[in-house]
Amino acid sequence: LANESITKSEFKPLRGTDTVAAVRERMKEEQVTALPVVDPTTQK
């Protein structure tokens, strides 16, 4: 089953204040084409 034991809990999601330039750089570093966005207050 999917649970925290097989996740990268230290992986930092995007926030609303992140710039497009920073997102592009982050995608390049992570070698991904999509990143999750989380509300920093609620962690939703």
PDB file of all heavy atoms in Angstrom:
ATOM      1  N   LEU A   1       0.821  -1.202   0.000  1.00  0.00           N
ATOM      2  CA  LEU A   1       0.000   0.000   0.000  1.00  0.00           C
ATOM      3  C   LEU A   1       0.860   1.258   0.000  1.00  0.00           C
ATOM      4  O   LEU A   1       1.974   1.274   0.531  1.00  0.00           O
ATOM      5  CB  LEU A   1      -0.925   0.006   1.223  1.00  0.00           C
ATOM      6  CG  LEU A   1      -1.836  -1.210   1.373  1.00  0.00           C
ATOM      7  CD1 LEU A   1      -2.715  -1.046   2.603  1.00  0.00           C
ATOM      8  CD2 LEU A   1      -2.686  -1.426   0.127  1.00  0.00           C
ATOM      9  N   ALA A   2       0.327   2.314  -0.599  1.00  0.00           N
ATOM     10  CA  ALA A   2       1.026   3.597  -0.626  1.00  0.00           C
ATOM     11  C   ALA A   2       0.975   4.227   0.765  1.00  0.00           C
ATOM     12  O   ALA A   2      -0.107   4.393   1.331  1.00  0.00           O
ATOM     13  CB  ALA A   2       0.380   4.528  -1.647  1.00  0.00           C
ATOM     14  N   ASN A   3       2.123   4.546   1.301  1.00  0.00           N
ATOM     15  CA  ASN A   3       2.185   5.199   2.610  1.00  0.00           C
ATOM     16  C   ASN A   3       3.498   5.967   2.724  1.00  0.00           C
ATOM     17  O   ASN A   3       4.321   5.968   1.808  1.00  0.00           O
ATOM     18  CB  ASN A   3       2.043   4.179   3.746  1.00  0.00           C
ATOM     19  CG  ASN A   3       3.050   3.055   3.644  1.00  0.00           C
ATOM     20  OD1 ASN A   3       4.255   3.289   3.582  1.00  0.00           O
ATOM     21  ND2 ASN A   3       2.562   1.812   3.612  1.00  0.00           N
ATOM     22  N   GLU A   4       3.709   6.614   3.852  1.00  0.00           N
ATOM     23  CA  GLU A   4       4.865   7.479   4.010  1.00  0.00           C
ATOM     24  C   GLU A   4       6.193   6.711   4.026  1.00  0.00           C
ATOM     25  O   GLU A   4       7.248   7.302   3.833  1.00  0.00           O
ATOM     26  CB  GLU A   4       4.725   8.311   5.284  1.00  0.00           C
ATOM     27  CG  GLU A   4       3.606   9.347   5.193  1.00  0.00           C
ATOM     28  CD  GLU A   4       3.532  10.228   6.424  1.00  0.00           C
ATOM     29  OE1 GLU A   4       4.313  11.201   6.519  1.00  0.00           O
ATOM     30  OE2 GLU A   4       2.684   9.939   7.286  1.00  0.00           O
ATOM     31  N   SER A   5       6.141   5.389   4.246  1.00  0.00           N
ATOM     32  CA  SER A   5       7.380   4.613   4.287  1.00  0.00           C
ATOM     33  C   SER A   5       8.033   4.499   2.915  1.00  0.00           C
ATOM     34  O   SER A   5       9.225   4.199   2.816  1.00  0.00           O
ATOM     35  CB  SER A   5       7.111   3.213   4.847  1.00  0.00           C
ATOM     36  OG  SER A   5       6.335   2.444   3.939  1.00  0.00           O
ATOM     37  N   ILE A   6       7.275   4.715   1.835  1.00  0.00           N
ATOM     38  CA  ILE A   6       7.845   4.631   0.488  1.00  0.00           C
ATOM     39  C   ILE A   6       7.784   5.970  -0.230  1.00  0.00           C
ATOM     40  O   ILE A   6       7.778   6.028  -1.454  1.00  0.00           O
ATOM     41  CB  ILE A   6       7.150   3.541  -0.351  1.00  0.00           C
ATOM     42  CG1 ILE A   6       5.647   3.814  -0.469  1.00  0.00           C
ATOM     43  CG2 ILE A   6       7.407   2.161   0.213  1.00  0.00           C
ATOM     44  CD1 ILE A   6       4.959   2.916  -1.480  1.00  0.00           C
ATOM     45  N   THR A   7       7.713   7.066   0.509  1.00  0.00           N
ATOM     46  CA  THR A   7       7.651   8.396  -0.100  1.00  0.00           C
ATOM     47  C   THR A   7       8.911   9.190   0.203  1.00  0.00           C
ATOM     48  O   THR A   7       9.668   8.881   1.119  1.00  0.00           O
ATOM     49  CB  THR A   7       6.450   9.207   0.425  1.00  0.00           C
ATOM     50  OG1 THR A   7       6.636   9.452   1.824  1.00  0.00           O
ATOM     51  CG2 THR A   7       5.150   8.486   0.190  1.00  0.00           C
ATOM     52  N   LYS A   8       9.103  10.243  -0.593  1.00  0.00           N
ATOM     53  CA  LYS A   8      10.136  11.235  -0.299  1.00  0.00           C
ATOM     54  C   LYS A   8       9.447  12.367   0.465  1.00  0.00           C
ATOM     55  O   LYS A   8       8.950  13.320  -0.123  1.00  0.00           O
ATOM     56  CB  LYS A   8      10.770  11.750  -1.589  1.00  0.00           C
ATOM     57  CG  LYS A   8      11.623  10.738  -2.316  1.00  0.00           C
ATOM     58  CD  LYS A   8      12.197  11.313  -3.594  1.00  0.00           C
ATOM     59  CE  LYS A   8      13.179  12.431  -3.340  1.00  0.00           C
ATOM     60  NZ  LYS A   8      13.819  12.906  -4.581  1.00  0.00           N
ATOM     61  N   SER A   9       9.405  12.239   1.779  1.00  0.00           N
ATOM     62  CA  SER A   9       8.688  13.219   2.590  1.00  0.00           C
ATOM     63  C   SER A   9       9.402  14.571   2.599  1.00  0.00           C
ATOM     64  O   SER A   9       8.786  15.602   2.876  1.00  0.00           O
ATOM     65  CB  SER A   9       8.525  12.702   4.022  1.00  0.00           C
ATOM     66  OG  SER A   9       9.787  12.389   4.589  1.00  0.00           O
ATOM     67  N   GLU A  10      10.709  14.568   2.280  1.00  0.00           N
ATOM     68  CA  GLU A  10      11.461  15.818   2.281  1.00  0.00           C
ATOM     69  C   GLU A  10      11.295  16.602   0.984  1.00  0.00           C
ATOM     70  O   GLU A  10      11.779  17.734   0.857  1.00  0.00           O
ATOM     71  CB  GLU A  10      12.949  15.531   2.516  1.00  0.00           C
ATOM     72  CG  GLU A  10      13.691  14.917   1.350  1.00  0.00           C
ATOM     73  CD  GLU A  10      13.503  13.412   1.220  1.00  0.00           C
ATOM     74  OE1 GLU A  10      12.678  12.858   1.971  1.00  0.00           O
ATOM     75  OE2 GLU A  10      14.182  12.800   0.371  1.00  0.00           O
ATOM     76  N   PHE A  11      10.616  16.024   0.007  1.00  0.00           N
ATOM     77  CA  PHE A  11      10.401  16.681  -1.280  1.00  0.00           C
ATOM     78  C   PHE A  11       9.526  17.913  -1.083  1.00  0.00           C
ATOM     79  O   PHE A  11       8.411  17.820  -0.570  1.00  0.00           O
ATOM     80  CB  PHE A  11       9.740  15.716  -2.261  1.00  0.00           C
ATOM     81  CG  PHE A  11       9.617  16.237  -3.661  1.00  0.00           C
ATOM     82  CD1 PHE A  11      10.591  15.971  -4.608  1.00  0.00           C
ATOM     83  CD2 PHE A  11       8.529  17.002  -4.039  1.00  0.00           C
ATOM     84  CE1 PHE A  11      10.486  16.452  -5.899  1.00  0.00           C
ATOM     85  CE2 PHE A  11       8.407  17.492  -5.327  1.00  0.00           C
ATOM     86  CZ  PHE A  11       9.391  17.215  -6.261  1.00  0.00           C
ATOM     87  N   LYS A  12      10.026  19.073  -1.499  1.00  0.00           N
ATOM     88  CA  LYS A  12       9.292  20.325  -1.289  1.00  0.00           C
ATOM     89  C   LYS A  12       8.379  20.624  -2.475  1.00  0.00           C
ATOM     90  O   LYS A  12       8.860  20.789  -3.601  1.00  0.00           O
ATOM     91  CB  LYS A  12      10.271  21.481  -1.076  1.00  0.00           C
ATOM     92  CG  LYS A  12      11.095  21.365   0.207  1.00  0.00           C
ATOM     93  CD  LYS A  12      12.009  22.563   0.372  1.00  0.00           C
ATOM     94  CE  LYS A  12      12.812  22.457   1.666  1.00  0.00           C
ATOM     95  NZ  LYS A  12      13.722  23.615   1.836  1.00  0.00           N
ATOM     96  N   PRO A  13       7.079  20.715  -2.246  1.00  0.00           N
ATOM     97  CA  PRO A  13       6.150  21.054  -3.327  1.00  0.00           C
ATOM     98  C   PRO A  13       6.235  22.553  -3.642  1.00  0.00           C
ATOM     99  O   PRO A  13       6.882  23.319  -2.914  1.00  0.00           O
ATOM    100  CB  PRO A  13       4.786  20.694  -2.734  1.00  0.00           C
ATOM    101  CG  PRO A  13       4.972  20.926  -1.265  1.00  0.00           C
ATOM    102  CD  PRO A  13       6.386  20.516  -0.954  1.00  0.00           C
ATOM    103  N   LEU A  14       5.585  22.953  -4.725  1.00  0.00           N
ATOM    104  CA  LEU A  14       5.531  24.374  -5.072  1.00  0.00           C
ATOM    105  C   LEU A  14       4.572  25.108  -4.143  1.00  0.00           C
ATOM    106  O   LEU A  14       3.647  24.525  -3.589  1.00  0.00           O
ATOM    107  CB  LEU A  14       5.062  24.543  -6.519  1.00  0.00           C
ATOM    108  CG  LEU A  14       5.935  23.925  -7.615  1.00  0.00           C
ATOM    109  CD1 LEU A  14       5.314  24.182  -8.980  1.00  0.00           C
ATOM    110  CD2 LEU A  14       7.356  24.472  -7.557  1.00  0.00           C
ATOM    111  N   ARG A  15       4.808  26.422  -4.043  1.00  0.00           N
ATOM    112  CA  ARG A  15       3.903  27.311  -3.313  1.00  0.00           C
ATOM    113  C   ARG A  15       3.421  28.414  -4.249  1.00  0.00           C
ATOM    114  O   ARG A  15       4.041  28.674  -5.279  1.00  0.00           O
ATOM    115  CB  ARG A  15       4.607  27.910  -2.095  1.00  0.00           C
ATOM    116  CG  ARG A  15       5.043  26.868  -1.078  1.00  0.00           C
ATOM    117  CD  ARG A  15       5.596  27.526   0.168  1.00  0.00           C
ATOM    118  NE  ARG A  15       5.949  26.534   1.187  1.00  0.00           N
ATOM    119  CZ  ARG A  15       6.288  26.829   2.426  1.00  0.00           C
ATOM    120  NH1 ARG A  15       6.338  28.116   2.809  1.00  0.00           N
ATOM    121  NH2 ARG A  15       6.582  25.881   3.290  1.00  0.00           N
ATOM    122  N   GLY A  16       2.352  29.055  -3.872  1.00  0.00           N
ATOM    123  CA  GLY A  16       1.785  30.096  -4.726  1.00  0.00           C
ATOM    124  C   GLY A  16       2.720  31.252  -4.986  1.00  0.00           C
ATOM    125  O   GLY A  16       2.610  31.943  -6.006  1.00  0.00           O
ATOM    126  N   THR A  17       3.680  31.492  -4.100  1.00  0.00           N
ATOM    127  CA  THR A  17       4.611  32.608  -4.239  1.00  0.00           C
ATOM    128  C   THR A  17       5.827  32.287  -5.095  1.00  0.00           C
ATOM    129  O   THR A  17       6.629  33.167  -5.393  1.00  0.00           O
ATOM    130  CB  THR A  17       5.092  33.064  -2.848  1.00  0.00           C
ATOM    131  OG1 THR A  17       5.636  31.938  -2.146  1.00  0.00           O
ATOM    132  CG2 THR A  17       3.942  33.657  -2.050  1.00  0.00           C
ATOM    133  N   ASP A  18       5.992  31.031  -5.497  1.00  0.00           N
ATOM    134  CA  ASP A  18       7.126  30.660  -6.347  1.00  0.00           C
ATOM    135  C   ASP A  18       6.989  31.313  -7.718  1.00  0.00           C
ATOM    136  O   ASP A  18       5.883  31.372  -8.286  1.00  0.00           O
ATOM    137  CB  ASP A  18       7.208  29.145  -6.514  1.00  0.00           C
ATOM    138  CG  ASP A  18       7.627  28.446  -5.236  1.00  0.00           C
ATOM    139  OD1 ASP A  18       8.338  29.074  -4.426  1.00  0.00           O
ATOM    140  OD2 ASP A  18       7.252  27.275  -5.045  1.00  0.00           O
ATOM    141  N   THR A  19       8.092  31.807  -8.264  1.00  0.00           N
ATOM    142  CA  THR A  19       8.062  32.426  -9.580  1.00  0.00           C
ATOM    143  C   THR A  19       8.151  31.372 -10.680  1.00  0.00           C
ATOM    144  O   THR A  19       8.614  30.251 -10.450  1.00  0.00           O
ATOM    145  CB  THR A  19       9.226  33.410  -9.756  1.00  0.00           C
ATOM    146  OG1 THR A  19      10.460  32.691  -9.714  1.00  0.00           O
ATOM    147  CG2 THR A  19       9.199  34.480  -8.671  1.00  0.00           C
ATOM    148  N   VAL A  20       7.721  31.765 -11.868  1.00  0.00           N
ATOM    149  CA  VAL A  20       7.782  30.869 -13.019  1.00  0.00           C
ATOM    150  C   VAL A  20       9.231  30.484 -13.311  1.00  0.00           C
ATOM    151  O   VAL A  20       9.524  29.331 -13.645  1.00  0.00           O
ATOM    152  CB  VAL A  20       7.119  31.525 -14.242  1.00  0.00           C
ATOM    153  CG1 VAL A  20       7.460  30.757 -15.527  1.00  0.00           C
ATOM    154  CG2 VAL A  20       5.608  31.597 -14.052  1.00  0.00           C
ATOM    155  N   ALA A  21      10.156  31.436 -13.160  1.00  0.00           N
ATOM    156  CA  ALA A  21      11.570  31.144 -13.390  1.00  0.00           C
ATOM    157  C   ALA A  21      12.054  30.058 -12.429  1.00  0.00           C
ATOM    158  O   ALA A  21      12.783  29.136 -12.819  1.00  0.00           O
ATOM    159  CB  ALA A  21      12.404  32.416 -13.229  1.00  0.00           C
ATOM    160  N   ALA A  22      11.647  30.159 -11.168  1.00  0.00           N
ATOM    161  CA  ALA A  22      12.045  29.177 -10.162  1.00  0.00           C
ATOM    162  C   ALA A  22      11.433  27.812 -10.462  1.00  0.00           C
ATOM    163  O   ALA A  22      12.080  26.772 -10.248  1.00  0.00           O
ATOM    164  CB  ALA A  22      11.625  29.646  -8.781  1.00  0.00           C
ATOM    165  N   VAL A  23      10.197  27.799 -10.951  1.00  0.00           N
ATOM    166  CA  VAL A  23       9.526  26.536 -11.281  1.00  0.00           C
ATOM    167  C   VAL A  23      10.232  25.849 -12.441  1.00  0.00           C
ATOM    168  O   VAL A  23      10.465  24.637 -12.410  1.00  0.00           O
ATOM    169  CB  VAL A  23       8.039  26.772 -11.618  1.00  0.00           C
ATOM    170  CG1 VAL A  23       7.394  25.476 -12.095  1.00  0.00           C
ATOM    171  CG2 VAL A  23       7.295  27.314 -10.411  1.00  0.00           C
ATOM    172  N   ARG A  24      10.583  26.633 -13.463  1.00  0.00           N
ATOM    173  CA  ARG A  24      11.309  26.056 -14.603  1.00  0.00           C
ATOM    174  C   ARG A  24      12.619  25.422 -14.137  1.00  0.00           C
ATOM    175  O   ARG A  24      12.981  24.316 -14.551  1.00  0.00           O
ATOM    176  CB  ARG A  24      11.598  27.138 -15.640  1.00  0.00           C
ATOM    177  CG  ARG A  24      10.401  27.589 -16.467  1.00  0.00           C
ATOM    178  CD  ARG A  24      10.878  28.317 -17.709  1.00  0.00           C
ATOM    179  NE  ARG A  24       9.759  28.874 -18.469  1.00  0.00           N
ATOM    180  CZ  ARG A  24       9.391  30.145 -18.435  1.00  0.00           C
ATOM    181  NH1 ARG A  24      10.043  31.001 -17.671  1.00  0.00           N
ATOM    182  NH2 ARG A  24       8.369  30.565 -19.148  1.00  0.00           N
ATOM    183  N   GLU A  25      13.353  26.140 -13.290  1.00  0.00           N
ATOM    184  CA  GLU A  25      14.621  25.634 -12.795  1.00  0.00           C
ATOM    185  C   GLU A  25      14.425  24.376 -11.951  1.00  0.00           C
ATOM    186  O   GLU A  25      15.195  23.418 -12.036  1.00  0.00           O
ATOM    187  CB  GLU A  25      15.320  26.708 -11.963  1.00  0.00           C
ATOM    188  CG  GLU A  25      16.715  26.327 -11.480  1.00  0.00           C
ATOM    189  CD  GLU A  25      17.689  26.057 -12.603  1.00  0.00           C
ATOM    190  OE1 GLU A  25      17.507  26.629 -13.707  1.00  0.00           O
ATOM    191  OE2 GLU A  25      18.628  25.270 -12.388  1.00  0.00           O
ATOM    192  N   ARG A  26      13.369  24.381 -11.152  1.00  0.00           N
ATOM    193  CA  ARG A  26      13.083  23.221 -10.296  1.00  0.00           C
ATOM    194  C   ARG A  26      12.750  21.992 -11.135  1.00  0.00           C
ATOM    195  O   ARG A  26      13.224  20.882 -10.855  1.00  0.00           O
ATOM    196  CB  ARG A  26      11.906  23.570  -9.377  1.00  0.00           C
ATOM    197  CG  ARG A  26      11.486  22.452  -8.436  1.00  0.00           C
ATOM    198  CD  ARG A  26      12.424  22.289  -7.264  1.00  0.00           C
ATOM    199  NE  ARG A  26      12.047  21.157  -6.450  1.00  0.00           N
ATOM    200  CZ  ARG A  26      11.026  21.155  -5.585  1.00  0.00           C
ATOM    201  NH1 ARG A  26      10.286  22.248  -5.406  1.00  0.00           N
ATOM    202  NH2 ARG A  26      10.762  20.071  -4.879  1.00  0.00           N
ATOM    203  N   MET A  27      11.958  22.175 -12.184  1.00  0.00           N
ATOM    204  CA  MET A  27      11.618  21.057 -13.056  1.00  0.00           C
ATOM    205  C   MET A  27      12.852  20.504 -13.756  1.00  0.00           C
ATOM    206  O   MET A  27      12.996  19.291 -13.948  1.00  0.00           O
ATOM    207  CB  MET A  27      10.566  21.474 -14.078  1.00  0.00           C
ATOM    208  CG  MET A  27       9.182  21.681 -13.494  1.00  0.00           C
ATOM    209  SD  MET A  27       7.959  22.103 -14.759  1.00  0.00           S
ATOM    210  CE  MET A  27       6.451  22.155 -13.766  1.00  0.00           C
ATOM    211  N   LYS A  28      13.751  21.403 -14.126  1.00  0.00           N
ATOM    212  CA  LYS A  28      14.988  20.972 -14.770  1.00  0.00           C
ATOM    213  C   LYS A  28      15.837  20.168 -13.801  1.00  0.00           C
ATOM    214  O   LYS A  28      16.392  19.128 -14.164  1.00  0.00           O
ATOM    215  CB  LYS A  28      15.760  22.201 -15.263  1.00  0.00           C
ATOM    216  CG  LYS A  28      17.039  21.870 -16.007  1.00  0.00           C
ATOM    217  CD  LYS A  28      17.727  23.131 -16.509  1.00  0.00           C
ATOM    218  CE  LYS A  28      19.021  22.804 -17.243  1.00  0.00           C
ATOM    219  NZ  LYS A  28      19.709  24.044 -17.714  1.00  0.00           N
ATOM    220  N   GLU A  29      15.930  20.625 -12.558  1.00  0.00           N
ATOM    221  CA  GLU A  29      16.720  19.932 -11.544  1.00  0.00           C
ATOM    222  C   GLU A  29      16.137  18.556 -11.222  1.00  0.00           C
ATOM    223  O   GLU A  29      16.866  17.573 -11.089  1.00  0.00           O
ATOM    224  CB  GLU A  29      16.787  20.767 -10.267  1.00  0.00           C
ATOM    225  CG  GLU A  29      17.619  22.033 -10.380  1.00  0.00           C
ATOM    226  CD  GLU A  29      17.570  22.857  -9.123  1.00  0.00           C
ATOM    227  OE1 GLU A  29      16.855  22.449  -8.164  1.00  0.00           O
ATOM    228  OE2 GLU A  29      18.224  23.910  -9.071  1.00  0.00           O
ATOM    229  N   GLU A  30      14.811  18.498 -11.086  1.00  0.00           N
ATOM    230  CA  GLU A  30      14.144  17.250 -10.705  1.00  0.00           C
ATOM    231  C   GLU A  30      13.910  16.330 -11.895  1.00  0.00           C
ATOM    232  O   GLU A  30      13.524  15.174 -11.731  1.00  0.00           O
ATOM    233  CB  GLU A  30      12.799  17.550 -10.024  1.00  0.00           C
ATOM    234  CG  GLU A  30      12.886  18.418  -8.769  1.00  0.00           C
ATOM    235  CD  GLU A  30      13.445  17.666  -7.584  1.00  0.00           C
ATOM    236  OE1 GLU A  30      13.652  16.437  -7.686  1.00  0.00           O
ATOM    237  OE2 GLU A  30      13.676  18.301  -6.545  1.00  0.00           O
ATOM    238  N   GLN A  31      14.086  16.863 -13.128  1.00  0.00           N
ATOM    239  CA  GLN A  31      13.842  16.111 -14.359  1.00  0.00           C
ATOM    240  C   GLN A  31      12.409  15.599 -14.420  1.00  0.00           C
ATOM    241  O   GLN A  31      12.150  14.421 -14.672  1.00  0.00           O
ATOM    242  CB  GLN A  31      14.843  14.957 -14.494  1.00  0.00           C
ATOM    243  CG  GLN A  31      16.285  15.419 -14.598  1.00  0.00           C
ATOM    244  CD  GLN A  31      17.263  14.282 -14.804  1.00  0.00           C
ATOM    245  OE1 GLN A  31      17.028  13.150 -14.381  1.00  0.00           O
ATOM    246  NE2 GLN A  31      18.379  14.550 -15.473  1.00  0.00           N
ATOM    247  N   VAL A  32      11.468  16.527 -14.173  1.00  0.00           N
ATOM    248  CA  VAL A  32      10.044  16.210 -14.220  1.00  0.00           C
ATOM    249  C   VAL A  32       9.334  17.243 -15.084  1.00  0.00           C
ATOM    250  O   VAL A  32       9.875  18.305 -15.384  1.00  0.00           O
ATOM    251  CB  VAL A  32       9.412  16.190 -12.807  1.00  0.00           C
ATOM    252  CG1 VAL A  32      10.051  15.107 -11.954  1.00  0.00           C
ATOM    253  CG2 VAL A  32       9.561  17.551 -12.121  1.00  0.00           C
ATOM    254  N   THR A  33       8.112  16.934 -15.476  1.00  0.00           N
ATOM    255  CA  THR A  33       7.322  17.860 -16.291  1.00  0.00           C
ATOM    256  C   THR A  33       6.085  18.362 -15.550  1.00  0.00           C
ATOM    257  O   THR A  33       5.276  19.086 -16.128  1.00  0.00           O
ATOM    258  CB  THR A  33       6.882  17.180 -17.597  1.00  0.00           C
ATOM    259  OG1 THR A  33       6.147  15.989 -17.286  1.00  0.00           O
ATOM    260  CG2 THR A  33       8.092  16.813 -18.445  1.00  0.00           C
ATOM    261  N   ALA A  34       5.927  17.977 -14.285  1.00  0.00           N
ATOM    262  CA  ALA A  34       4.802  18.448 -13.473  1.00  0.00           C
ATOM    263  C   ALA A  34       5.212  18.442 -12.007  1.00  0.00           C
ATOM    264  O   ALA A  34       5.923  17.538 -11.562  1.00  0.00           O
ATOM    265  CB  ALA A  34       3.568  17.577 -13.684  1.00  0.00           C
ATOM    266  N   LEU A  35       4.751  19.459 -11.270  1.00  0.00           N
ATOM    267  CA  LEU A  35       5.051  19.555  -9.844  1.00  0.00           C
ATOM    268  C   LEU A  35       3.788  19.909  -9.073  1.00  0.00           C
ATOM    269  O   LEU A  35       2.972  20.726  -9.538  1.00  0.00           O
ATOM    270  CB  LEU A  35       6.121  20.616  -9.585  1.00  0.00           C
ATOM    271  CG  LEU A  35       7.566  20.260  -9.967  1.00  0.00           C
ATOM    272  CD1 LEU A  35       8.456  21.492  -9.894  1.00  0.00           C
ATOM    273  CD2 LEU A  35       8.104  19.150  -9.068  1.00  0.00           C
ATOM    274  N   PRO A  36       3.592  19.332  -7.889  1.00  0.00           N
ATOM    275  CA  PRO A  36       2.410  19.629  -7.079  1.00  0.00           C
ATOM    276  C   PRO A  36       2.529  21.001  -6.405  1.00  0.00           C
ATOM    277  O   PRO A  36       3.626  21.472  -6.118  1.00  0.00           O
ATOM    278  CB  PRO A  36       2.404  18.507  -6.040  1.00  0.00           C
ATOM    279  CG  PRO A  36       3.847  18.134  -5.902  1.00  0.00           C
ATOM    280  CD  PRO A  36       4.451  18.303  -7.262  1.00  0.00           C
ATOM    281  N   VAL A  37       1.362  21.599  -6.155  1.00  0.00           N
ATOM    282  CA  VAL A  37       1.299  22.896  -5.467  1.00  0.00           C
ATOM    283  C   VAL A  37       0.527  22.701  -4.164  1.00  0.00           C
ATOM    284  O   VAL A  37      -0.560  22.121  -4.155  1.00  0.00           O
ATOM    285  CB  VAL A  37       0.598  23.969  -6.326  1.00  0.00           C
ATOM    286  CG1 VAL A  37       0.630  25.315  -5.615  1.00  0.00           C
ATOM    287  CG2 VAL A  37       1.252  24.063  -7.697  1.00  0.00           C
ATOM    288  N   VAL A  38       1.114  23.185  -3.072  1.00  0.00           N
ATOM    289  CA  VAL A  38       0.527  23.011  -1.742  1.00  0.00           C
ATOM    290  C   VAL A  38       0.310  24.360  -1.073  1.00  0.00           C
ATOM    291  O   VAL A  38       1.144  25.265  -1.209  1.00  0.00           O
ATOM    292  CB  VAL A  38       1.446  22.125  -0.867  1.00  0.00           C
ATOM    293  CG1 VAL A  38       1.016  22.143   0.598  1.00  0.00           C
ATOM    294  CG2 VAL A  38       1.450  20.691  -1.386  1.00  0.00           C
ATOM    295  N   ASP A  39      -0.804  24.513  -0.374  1.00  0.00           N
ATOM    296  CA  ASP A  39      -1.054  25.695   0.446  1.00  0.00           C
ATOM    297  C   ASP A  39      -0.146  25.611   1.671  1.00  0.00           C
ATOM    298  O   ASP A  39      -0.266  24.673   2.467  1.00  0.00           O
ATOM    299  CB  ASP A  39      -2.521  25.724   0.874  1.00  0.00           C
ATOM    300  CG  ASP A  39      -2.891  26.984   1.640  1.00  0.00           C
ATOM    301  OD1 ASP A  39      -2.116  27.383   2.539  1.00  0.00           O
ATOM    302  OD2 ASP A  39      -3.951  27.557   1.358  1.00  0.00           O
ATOM    303  N   PRO A  40       0.769  26.570   1.865  1.00  0.00           N
ATOM    304  CA  PRO A  40       1.723  26.470   2.972  1.00  0.00           C
ATOM    305  C   PRO A  40       1.094  26.559   4.353  1.00  0.00           C
ATOM    306  O   PRO A  40       1.673  26.102   5.337  1.00  0.00           O
ATOM    307  CB  PRO A  40       2.666  27.654   2.723  1.00  0.00           C
ATOM    308  CG  PRO A  40       1.862  28.614   1.925  1.00  0.00           C
ATOM    309  CD  PRO A  40       0.971  27.777   1.061  1.00  0.00           C
ATOM    310  N   THR A  41      -0.104  27.133   4.434  1.00  0.00           N
ATOM    311  CA  THR A  41      -0.776  27.274   5.732  1.00  0.00           C
ATOM    312  C   THR A  41      -1.472  25.993   6.155  1.00  0.00           C
ATOM    313  O   THR A  41      -1.317  25.513   7.281  1.00  0.00           O
ATOM    314  CB  THR A  41      -1.803  28.424   5.696  1.00  0.00           C
ATOM    315  OG1 THR A  41      -1.144  29.635   5.326  1.00  0.00           O
ATOM    316  CG2 THR A  41      -2.470  28.595   7.056  1.00  0.00           C
ATOM    317  N   THR A  42      -2.227  25.408   5.223  1.00  0.00           N
ATOM    318  CA  THR A  42      -3.016  24.220   5.541  1.00  0.00           C
ATOM    319  C   THR A  42      -2.315  22.919   5.164  1.00  0.00           C
ATOM    320  O   THR A  42      -2.731  21.841   5.583  1.00  0.00           O
ATOM    321  CB  THR A  42      -4.360  24.261   4.807  1.00  0.00           C
ATOM    322  OG1 THR A  42      -4.121  24.230   3.383  1.00  0.00           O
ATOM    323  CG2 THR A  42      -5.131  25.532   5.175  1.00  0.00           C
ATOM    324  N   GLN A  43      -1.266  23.030   4.328  1.00  0.00           N
ATOM    325  CA  GLN A  43      -0.570  21.855   3.778  1.00  0.00           C
ATOM    326  C   GLN A  43      -1.479  20.994   2.908  1.00  0.00           C
ATOM    327  O   GLN A  43      -1.223  19.805   2.700  1.00  0.00           O
ATOM    328  CB  GLN A  43       0.057  21.000   4.889  1.00  0.00           C
ATOM    329  CG  GLN A  43       1.243  21.652   5.569  1.00  0.00           C
ATOM    330  CD  GLN A  43       2.374  21.952   4.594  1.00  0.00           C
ATOM    331  OE1 GLN A  43       2.879  21.059   3.922  1.00  0.00           O
ATOM    332  NE2 GLN A  43       2.760  23.218   4.497  1.00  0.00           N
ATOM    333  N   LYS A  44      -2.548  21.618   2.379  1.00  0.00           N
ATOM    334  CA  LYS A  44      -3.447  20.911   1.475  1.00  0.00           C
ATOM    335  C   LYS A  44      -2.896  20.977   0.047  1.00  0.00           C
ATOM    336  O   LYS A  44      -2.345  22.001  -0.377  1.00  0.00           O
ATOM    337  CB  LYS A  44      -4.844  21.532   1.501  1.00  0.00           C
ATOM    338  CG  LYS A  44      -5.501  21.568   2.872  1.00  0.00           C
ATOM    339  CD  LYS A  44      -5.837  20.194   3.389  1.00  0.00           C
ATOM    340  CE  LYS A  44      -6.613  20.281   4.697  1.00  0.00           C
ATOM    341  NZ  LYS A  44      -6.874  18.958   5.292  1.00  0.00           N
TER     342      LYS A  44
END
